[in-house]
Structure formats: C-alpha cells, structure tokens
Amino acid sequence: MDEKTVSKRYSRELTEIKNKLNDLKSERIYELTKNRNDGYLRTNIEQLENLLEKLFFKIDNEAPSVDEELREAMNNAYKSND
C-alpha cells in the first residue's frame, strides 16, 4: 500500500458506513418512521455488515478503493479516446 492512510484511501467506503450509522442513530428505520425508504432495522444491519465486510476485504487484500477504481476507469476512458 502506498503512503496514504487507510482512512484516506478508503474514505468513500468509510463515508458510506458512517452515513448508515448516522441513519440508525437518527432512528431512520421503517419500524419507527413507516417510510419504506428507510428500510427495516434488519435490512439496515445487513447492509452495514456487508459494507464492513467489503471494506475489510479491500484492506486485507490491498484492493483498490472505489475512488481508485473510478480514477482508473476515467484514465482508461480518456486513453481510449486518444
């Protein structure tokens, strides 16, 4: 891994996890709000587990972050237009 810290390298993934936690902290769950967009508590927990598993996999395997994948895709698209 390069000089970047894990928190900087995977900032987008961490932000997604923080947003999910903030939703739960704000009690944004269907059982309380009756808003289907908020999702059931079980669904939110499963999504949070999935996000954490993906992040740990990326860190353990030094896989590219979402930002790095997007940057690579943009670079490839730019090169193919040359």
PDB file of N, CA and C in Angstrom:
ATOM      1  N   MET A   1       0.850  -1.176   0.000  1.00  0.00           N
ATOM      2  CA  MET A   1       0.000   0.000   0.000  1.00  0.00           C
ATOM      3  C   MET A   1       0.893   1.235   0.000  1.00  0.00           C
ATOM      4  N   ASP A   2       0.471   2.272  -0.657  1.00  0.00           N
ATOM      5  CA  ASP A   2       1.274   3.487  -0.735  1.00  0.00           C
ATOM      6  C   ASP A   2       1.224   4.269   0.584  1.00  0.00           C
ATOM      7  N   GLU A   3       1.693   5.488   0.541  1.00  0.00           N
ATOM      8  CA  GLU A   3       1.824   6.322   1.736  1.00  0.00           C
ATOM      9  C   GLU A   3       0.481   6.747   2.339  1.00  0.00           C
ATOM     10  N   LYS A   4      -0.601   6.639   1.584  1.00  0.00           N
ATOM     11  CA  LYS A   4      -1.902   7.069   2.088  1.00  0.00           C
ATOM     12  C   LYS A   4      -2.326   6.216   3.284  1.00  0.00           C
ATOM     13  N   THR A   5      -2.997   6.859   4.221  1.00  0.00           N
ATOM     14  CA  THR A   5      -3.559   6.105   5.329  1.00  0.00           C
ATOM     15  C   THR A   5      -4.802   5.369   4.849  1.00  0.00           C
ATOM     16  N   VAL A   6      -5.169   4.349   5.585  1.00  0.00           N
ATOM     17  CA  VAL A   6      -6.366   3.580   5.236  1.00  0.00           C
ATOM     18  C   VAL A   6      -7.583   4.500   5.223  1.00  0.00           C
ATOM     19  N   SER A   7      -7.677   5.392   6.197  1.00  0.00           N
ATOM     20  CA  SER A   7      -8.847   6.265   6.267  1.00  0.00           C
ATOM     21  C   SER A   7      -8.942   7.211   5.074  1.00  0.00           C
ATOM     22  N   LYS A   8      -7.810   7.632   4.540  1.00  0.00           N
ATOM     23  CA  LYS A   8      -7.832   8.490   3.340  1.00  0.00           C
ATOM     24  C   LYS A   8      -8.089   7.664   2.091  1.00  0.00           C
ATOM     25  N   ARG A   9      -7.416   6.529   1.996  1.00  0.00           N
ATOM     26  CA  ARG A   9      -7.550   5.708   0.794  1.00  0.00           C
ATOM     27  C   ARG A   9      -8.978   5.216   0.617  1.00  0.00           C
ATOM     28  N   TYR A  10      -9.600   4.798   1.693  1.00  0.00           N
ATOM     29  CA  TYR A  10     -10.945   4.228   1.626  1.00  0.00           C
ATOM     30  C   TYR A  10     -11.991   5.191   2.188  1.00  0.00           C
ATOM     31  N   SER A  11     -11.783   6.469   1.972  1.00  0.00           N
ATOM     32  CA  SER A  11     -12.676   7.475   2.557  1.00  0.00           C
ATOM     33  C   SER A  11     -14.113   7.343   2.062  1.00  0.00           C
ATOM     34  N   ARG A  12     -14.294   7.015   0.803  1.00  0.00           N
ATOM     35  CA  ARG A  12     -15.663   6.880   0.268  1.00  0.00           C
ATOM     36  C   ARG A  12     -16.378   5.704   0.932  1.00  0.00           C
ATOM     37  N   GLU A  13     -15.679   4.596   1.099  1.00  0.00           N
ATOM     38  CA  GLU A  13     -16.265   3.434   1.745  1.00  0.00           C
ATOM     39  C   GLU A  13     -16.603   3.747   3.214  1.00  0.00           C
ATOM     40  N   LEU A  14     -15.707   4.445   3.881  1.00  0.00           N
ATOM     41  CA  LEU A  14     -15.941   4.815   5.277  1.00  0.00           C
ATOM     42  C   LEU A  14     -17.097   5.795   5.408  1.00  0.00           C
ATOM     43  N   THR A  15     -17.221   6.704   4.470  1.00  0.00           N
ATOM     44  CA  THR A  15     -18.330   7.658   4.489  1.00  0.00           C
ATOM     45  C   THR A  15     -19.661   6.934   4.347  1.00  0.00           C
ATOM     46  N   GLU A  16     -19.702   5.927   3.503  1.00  0.00           N
ATOM     47  CA  GLU A  16     -20.930   5.151   3.325  1.00  0.00           C
ATOM     48  C   GLU A  16     -21.320   4.446   4.637  1.00  0.00           C
ATOM     49  N   ILE A  17     -20.328   3.915   5.325  1.00  0.00           N
ATOM     50  CA  ILE A  17     -20.577   3.261   6.615  1.00  0.00           C
ATOM     51  C   ILE A  17     -21.038   4.283   7.648  1.00  0.00           C
ATOM     52  N   LYS A  18     -20.381   5.428   7.694  1.00  0.00           N
ATOM     53  CA  LYS A  18     -20.774   6.485   8.640  1.00  0.00           C
ATOM     54  C   LYS A  18     -22.200   6.956   8.365  1.00  0.00           C
ATOM     55  N   ASN A  19     -22.563   7.088   7.096  1.00  0.00           N
ATOM     56  CA  ASN A  19     -23.924   7.508   6.753  1.00  0.00           C
ATOM     57  C   ASN A  19     -24.956   6.491   7.231  1.00  0.00           C
ATOM     58  N   LYS A  20     -24.656   5.221   7.057  1.00  0.00           N
ATOM     59  CA  LYS A  20     -25.574   4.169   7.509  1.00  0.00           C
ATOM     60  C   LYS A  20     -25.712   4.222   9.028  1.00  0.00           C
ATOM     61  N   LEU A  21     -24.594   4.399   9.734  1.00  0.00           N
ATOM     62  CA  LEU A  21     -24.633   4.503  11.195  1.00  0.00           C
ATOM     63  C   LEU A  21     -25.415   5.737  11.641  1.00  0.00           C
ATOM     64  N   ASN A  22     -25.231   6.857  10.948  1.00  0.00           N
ATOM     65  CA  ASN A  22     -25.979   8.076  11.283  1.00  0.00           C
ATOM     66  C   ASN A  22     -27.476   7.887  11.085  1.00  0.00           C
ATOM     67  N   ASP A  23     -27.855   7.180  10.020  1.00  0.00           N
ATOM     68  CA  ASP A  23     -29.271   6.887   9.798  1.00  0.00           C
ATOM     69  C   ASP A  23     -29.834   6.079  10.967  1.00  0.00           C
ATOM     70  N   LEU A  24     -29.075   5.070  11.407  1.00  0.00           N
ATOM     71  CA  LEU A  24     -29.538   4.245  12.517  1.00  0.00           C
ATOM     72  C   LEU A  24     -29.588   5.052  13.818  1.00  0.00           C
ATOM     73  N   LYS A  25     -28.584   5.892  14.023  1.00  0.00           N
ATOM     74  CA  LYS A  25     -28.549   6.721  15.223  1.00  0.00           C
ATOM     75  C   LYS A  25     -29.726   7.695  15.239  1.00  0.00           C
ATOM     76  N   SER A  26     -30.119   8.153  14.071  1.00  0.00           N
ATOM     77  CA  SER A  26     -31.247   9.080  13.948  1.00  0.00           C
ATOM     78  C   SER A  26     -32.581   8.350  13.916  1.00  0.00           C
ATOM     79  N   GLU A  27     -32.536   7.047  14.154  1.00  0.00           N
ATOM     80  CA  GLU A  27     -33.727   6.197  14.179  1.00  0.00           C
ATOM     81  C   GLU A  27     -34.476   6.194  12.857  1.00  0.00           C
ATOM     82  N   ARG A  28     -33.722   6.281  11.769  1.00  0.00           N
ATOM     83  CA  ARG A  28     -34.318   6.223  10.435  1.00  0.00           C
ATOM     84  C   ARG A  28     -34.465   4.774  10.021  1.00  0.00           C
ATOM     85  N   ILE A  29     -35.462   4.124  10.598  1.00  0.00           N
ATOM     86  CA  ILE A  29     -35.790   2.741  10.256  1.00  0.00           C
ATOM     87  C   ILE A  29     -37.294   2.644  10.061  1.00  0.00           C
ATOM     88  N   TYR A  30     -37.689   1.760   9.191  1.00  0.00           N
ATOM     89  CA  TYR A  30     -39.097   1.643   8.818  1.00  0.00           C
ATOM     90  C   TYR A  30     -40.005   1.416  10.020  1.00  0.00           C
ATOM     91  N   GLU A  31     -39.527   0.612  10.968  1.00  0.00           N
ATOM     92  CA  GLU A  31     -40.360   0.292  12.123  1.00  0.00           C
ATOM     93  C   GLU A  31     -40.771   1.552  12.894  1.00  0.00           C
ATOM     94  N   LEU A  32     -39.960   2.593  12.842  1.00  0.00           N
ATOM     95  CA  LEU A  32     -40.277   3.834  13.554  1.00  0.00           C
ATOM     96  C   LEU A  32     -40.875   4.905  12.649  1.00  0.00           C
ATOM     97  N   THR A  33     -40.358   5.030  11.432  1.00  0.00           N
ATOM     98  CA  THR A  33     -40.790   6.127  10.560  1.00  0.00           C
ATOM     99  C   THR A  33     -41.947   5.745   9.637  1.00  0.00           C
ATOM    100  N   LYS A  34     -42.124   4.470   9.396  1.00  0.00           N
ATOM    101  CA  LYS A  34     -43.109   3.952   8.420  1.00  0.00           C
ATOM    102  C   LYS A  34     -42.794   4.442   7.004  1.00  0.00           C
ATOM    103  N   ASN A  35     -41.568   4.909   6.796  1.00  0.00           N
ATOM    104  CA  ASN A  35     -41.101   5.338   5.483  1.00  0.00           C
ATOM    105  C   ASN A  35     -40.309   4.181   4.874  1.00  0.00           C
ATOM    106  N   ARG A  36     -40.818   3.613   3.788  1.00  0.00           N
ATOM    107  CA  ARG A  36     -40.167   2.445   3.184  1.00  0.00           C
ATOM    108  C   ARG A  36     -38.735   2.732   2.740  1.00  0.00           C
ATOM    109  N   ASN A  37     -38.430   3.980   2.422  1.00  0.00           N
ATOM    110  CA  ASN A  37     -37.073   4.334   2.010  1.00  0.00           C
ATOM    111  C   ASN A  37     -36.058   4.111   3.123  1.00  0.00           C
ATOM    112  N   ASP A  38     -36.503   4.137   4.371  1.00  0.00           N
ATOM    113  CA  ASP A  38     -35.586   3.957   5.492  1.00  0.00           C
ATOM    114  C   ASP A  38     -35.206   2.497   5.698  1.00  0.00           C
ATOM    115  N   GLY A  39     -36.018   1.578   5.275  1.00  0.00           N
ATOM    116  CA  GLY A  39     -35.710   0.162   5.406  1.00  0.00           C
ATOM    117  C   GLY A  39     -35.899  -0.352   6.818  1.00  0.00           C
ATOM    118  N   TYR A  40     -36.085  -1.647   6.906  1.00  0.00           N
ATOM    119  CA  TYR A  40     -36.241  -2.298   8.200  1.00  0.00           C
ATOM    120  C   TYR A  40     -34.911  -2.310   8.939  1.00  0.00           C
ATOM    121  N   LEU A  41     -34.965  -2.398  10.251  1.00  0.00           N
ATOM    122  CA  LEU A  41     -33.755  -2.446  11.061  1.00  0.00           C
ATOM    123  C   LEU A  41     -32.867  -3.602  10.610  1.00  0.00           C
ATOM    124  N   ARG A  42     -33.445  -4.763  10.421  1.00  0.00           N
ATOM    125  CA  ARG A  42     -32.675  -5.940   9.993  1.00  0.00           C
ATOM    126  C   ARG A  42     -31.960  -5.674   8.669  1.00  0.00           C
ATOM    127  N   THR A  43     -32.649  -5.068   7.730  1.00  0.00           N
ATOM    128  CA  THR A  43     -32.062  -4.758   6.428  1.00  0.00           C
ATOM    129  C   THR A  43     -30.896  -3.788   6.573  1.00  0.00           C
ATOM    130  N   ASN A  44     -31.079  -2.764   7.391  1.00  0.00           N
ATOM    131  CA  ASN A  44     -30.015  -1.792   7.613  1.00  0.00           C
ATOM    132  C   ASN A  44     -28.785  -2.444   8.243  1.00  0.00           C
ATOM    133  N   ILE A  45     -29.006  -3.331   9.191  1.00  0.00           N
ATOM    134  CA  ILE A  45     -27.892  -4.021   9.843  1.00  0.00           C
ATOM    135  C   ILE A  45     -27.179  -4.923   8.844  1.00  0.00           C
ATOM    136  N   GLU A  46     -27.930  -5.630   8.015  1.00  0.00           N
ATOM    137  CA  GLU A  46     -27.323  -6.487   6.993  1.00  0.00           C
ATOM    138  C   GLU A  46     -26.507  -5.653   6.009  1.00  0.00           C
ATOM    139  N   GLN A  47     -27.020  -4.491   5.624  1.00  0.00           N
ATOM    140  CA  GLN A  47     -26.279  -3.612   4.716  1.00  0.00           C
ATOM    141  C   GLN A  47     -24.994  -3.119   5.372  1.00  0.00           C
ATOM    142  N   LEU A  48     -25.069  -2.777   6.627  1.00  0.00           N
ATOM    143  CA  LEU A  48     -23.891  -2.322   7.361  1.00  0.00           C
ATOM    144  C   LEU A  48     -22.854  -3.435   7.461  1.00  0.00           C
ATOM    145  N   GLU A  49     -23.293  -4.645   7.766  1.00  0.00           N
ATOM    146  CA  GLU A  49     -22.373  -5.788   7.811  1.00  0.00           C
ATOM    147  C   GLU A  49     -21.697  -5.996   6.463  1.00  0.00           C
ATOM    148  N   ASN A  50     -22.472  -5.890   5.397  1.00  0.00           N
ATOM    149  CA  ASN A  50     -21.942  -6.066   4.045  1.00  0.00           C
ATOM    150  C   ASN A  50     -20.903  -4.997   3.726  1.00  0.00           C
ATOM    151  N   LEU A  51     -21.199  -3.747   4.066  1.00  0.00           N
ATOM    152  CA  LEU A  51     -20.254  -2.656   3.824  1.00  0.00           C
ATOM    153  C   LEU A  51     -18.943  -2.890   4.573  1.00  0.00           C
ATOM    154  N   LEU A  52     -19.043  -3.320   5.824  1.00  0.00           N
ATOM    155  CA  LEU A  52     -17.844  -3.583   6.621  1.00  0.00           C
ATOM    156  C   LEU A  52     -17.041  -4.757   6.057  1.00  0.00           C
ATOM    157  N   GLU A  53     -17.723  -5.821   5.664  1.00  0.00           N
ATOM    158  CA  GLU A  53     -17.040  -6.977   5.076  1.00  0.00           C
ATOM    159  C   GLU A  53     -16.282  -6.582   3.818  1.00  0.00           C
ATOM    160  N   LYS A  54     -16.912  -5.795   2.960  1.00  0.00           N
ATOM    161  CA  LYS A  54     -16.253  -5.340   1.729  1.00  0.00           C
ATOM    162  C   LYS A  54     -15.026  -4.494   2.037  1.00  0.00           C
ATOM    163  N   LEU A  55     -15.158  -3.598   3.008  1.00  0.00           N
ATOM    164  CA  LEU A  55     -14.038  -2.742   3.368  1.00  0.00           C
ATOM    165  C   LEU A  55     -12.891  -3.565   3.938  1.00  0.00           C
ATOM    166  N   PHE A  56     -13.182  -4.478   4.855  1.00  0.00           N
ATOM    167  CA  PHE A  56     -12.126  -5.314   5.441  1.00  0.00           C
ATOM    168  C   PHE A  56     -11.445  -6.162   4.370  1.00  0.00           C
ATOM    169  N   PHE A  57     -12.231  -6.678   3.415  1.00  0.00           N
ATOM    170  CA  PHE A  57     -11.642  -7.456   2.325  1.00  0.00           C
ATOM    171  C   PHE A  57     -10.664  -6.593   1.529  1.00  0.00           C
ATOM    172  N   LYS A  58     -11.088  -5.388   1.202  1.00  0.00           N
ATOM    173  CA  LYS A  58     -10.225  -4.489   0.426  1.00  0.00           C
ATOM    174  C   LYS A  58      -8.948  -4.172   1.182  1.00  0.00           C
ATOM    175  N   ILE A  59      -9.060  -3.892   2.471  1.00  0.00           N
ATOM    176  CA  ILE A  59      -7.879  -3.567   3.268  1.00  0.00           C
ATOM    177  C   ILE A  59      -6.956  -4.777   3.359  1.00  0.00           C
ATOM    178  N   ASP A  60      -7.521  -5.937   3.692  1.00  0.00           N
ATOM    179  CA  ASP A  60      -6.716  -7.157   3.841  1.00  0.00           C
ATOM    180  C   ASP A  60      -5.995  -7.542   2.557  1.00  0.00           C
ATOM    181  N   ASN A  61      -6.627  -7.296   1.425  1.00  0.00           N
ATOM    182  CA  ASN A  61      -6.067  -7.706   0.135  1.00  0.00           C
ATOM    183  C   ASN A  61      -5.458  -6.551  -0.642  1.00  0.00           C
ATOM    184  N   GLU A  62      -5.373  -5.388   0.002  1.00  0.00           N
ATOM    185  CA  GLU A  62      -4.850  -4.183  -0.635  1.00  0.00           C
ATOM    186  C   GLU A  62      -5.523  -3.931  -1.986  1.00  0.00           C
ATOM    187  N   ALA A  63      -6.821  -4.187  -2.007  1.00  0.00           N
ATOM    188  CA  ALA A  63      -7.605  -3.967  -3.219  1.00  0.00           C
ATOM    189  C   ALA A  63      -7.848  -2.475  -3.399  1.00  0.00           C
ATOM    190  N   PRO A  64      -8.071  -2.055  -4.626  1.00  0.00           N
ATOM    191  CA  PRO A  64      -8.298  -0.621  -4.863  1.00  0.00           C
ATOM    192  C   PRO A  64      -9.588  -0.134  -4.210  1.00  0.00           C
ATOM    193  N   SER A  65      -9.557   1.112  -3.805  1.00  0.00           N
ATOM    194  CA  SER A  65     -10.747   1.741  -3.245  1.00  0.00           C
ATOM    195  C   SER A  65     -11.697   2.098  -4.384  1.00  0.00           C
ATOM    196  N   VAL A  66     -12.899   2.502  -4.040  1.00  0.00           N
ATOM    197  CA  VAL A  66     -13.866   2.942  -5.050  1.00  0.00           C
ATOM    198  C   VAL A  66     -13.290   4.119  -5.826  1.00  0.00           C
ATOM    199  N   ASP A  67     -12.680   5.059  -5.116  1.00  0.00           N
ATOM    200  CA  ASP A  67     -12.090   6.224  -5.792  1.00  0.00           C
ATOM    201  C   ASP A  67     -10.990   5.804  -6.758  1.00  0.00           C
ATOM    202  N   GLU A  68     -10.161   4.853  -6.358  1.00  0.00           N
ATOM    203  CA  GLU A  68      -9.089   4.377  -7.243  1.00  0.00           C
ATOM    204  C   GLU A  68      -9.658   3.663  -8.459  1.00  0.00           C
ATOM    205  N   GLU A  69     -10.718   2.883  -8.249  1.00  0.00           N
ATOM    206  CA  GLU A  69     -11.361   2.204  -9.379  1.00  0.00           C
ATOM    207  C   GLU A  69     -11.952   3.211 -10.355  1.00  0.00           C
ATOM    208  N   LEU A  70     -12.598   4.245  -9.827  1.00  0.00           N
ATOM    209  CA  LEU A  70     -13.175   5.284 -10.692  1.00  0.00           C
ATOM    210  C   LEU A  70     -12.082   6.038 -11.444  1.00  0.00           C
ATOM    211  N   ARG A  71     -11.009   6.363 -10.753  1.00  0.00           N
ATOM    212  CA  ARG A  71      -9.895   7.073 -11.384  1.00  0.00           C
ATOM    213  C   ARG A  71      -9.312   6.233 -12.526  1.00  0.00           C
ATOM    214  N   GLU A  72      -9.149   4.942 -12.282  1.00  0.00           N
ATOM    215  CA  GLU A  72      -8.615   4.046 -13.310  1.00  0.00           C
ATOM    216  C   GLU A  72      -9.563   3.967 -14.508  1.00  0.00           C
ATOM    217  N   ALA A  73     -10.856   3.873 -14.243  1.00  0.00           N
ATOM    218  CA  ALA A  73     -11.842   3.819 -15.324  1.00  0.00           C
ATOM    219  C   ALA A  73     -11.819   5.103 -16.151  1.00  0.00           C
ATOM    220  N   MET A  74     -11.704   6.228 -15.467  1.00  0.00           N
ATOM    221  CA  MET A  74     -11.640   7.510 -16.177  1.00  0.00           C
ATOM    222  C   MET A  74     -10.361   7.596 -17.016  1.00  0.00           C
ATOM    223  N   ASN A  75      -9.252   7.156 -16.463  1.00  0.00           N
ATOM    224  CA  ASN A  75      -7.991   7.167 -17.205  1.00  0.00           C
ATOM    225  C   ASN A  75      -8.086   6.273 -18.436  1.00  0.00           C
ATOM    226  N   ASN A  76      -8.686   5.090 -18.274  1.00  0.00           N
ATOM    227  CA  ASN A  76      -8.834   4.173 -19.409  1.00  0.00           C
ATOM    228  C   ASN A  76      -9.757   4.759 -20.472  1.00  0.00           C
ATOM    229  N   ALA A  77     -10.841   5.397 -20.037  1.00  0.00           N
ATOM    230  CA  ALA A  77     -11.764   6.015 -20.989  1.00  0.00           C
ATOM    231  C   ALA A  77     -11.066   7.154 -21.735  1.00  0.00           C
ATOM    232  N   TYR A  78     -10.277   7.911 -21.017  1.00  0.00           N
ATOM    233  CA  TYR A  78      -9.555   9.023 -21.635  1.00  0.00           C
ATOM    234  C   TYR A  78      -8.546   8.512 -22.644  1.00  0.00           C
ATOM    235  N   LYS A  79      -7.810   7.444 -22.271  1.00  0.00           N
ATOM    236  CA  LYS A  79      -6.802   6.868 -23.175  1.00  0.00           C
ATOM    237  C   LYS A  79      -7.433   6.288 -24.424  1.00  0.00           C
ATOM    238  N   SER A  80      -8.639   5.695 -24.281  1.00  0.00           N
ATOM    239  CA  SER A  80      -9.286   5.079 -25.443  1.00  0.00           C
ATOM    240  C   SER A  80      -9.811   6.134 -26.413  1.00  0.00           C
ATOM    241  N   ASN A  81      -9.958   7.364 -25.942  1.00  0.00           N
ATOM    242  CA  ASN A  81     -10.413   8.448 -26.815  1.00  0.00           C
ATOM    243  C   ASN A  81      -9.264   9.121 -27.564  1.00  0.00           C
ATOM    244  N   ASP A  82      -8.052   8.768 -27.229  1.00  0.00           N
ATOM    245  CA  ASP A  82      -6.874   9.368 -27.905  1.00  0.00           C
ATOM    246  C   ASP A  82      -6.696   8.840 -29.304  1.00  0.00           C
TER     247      ASP A  82
END
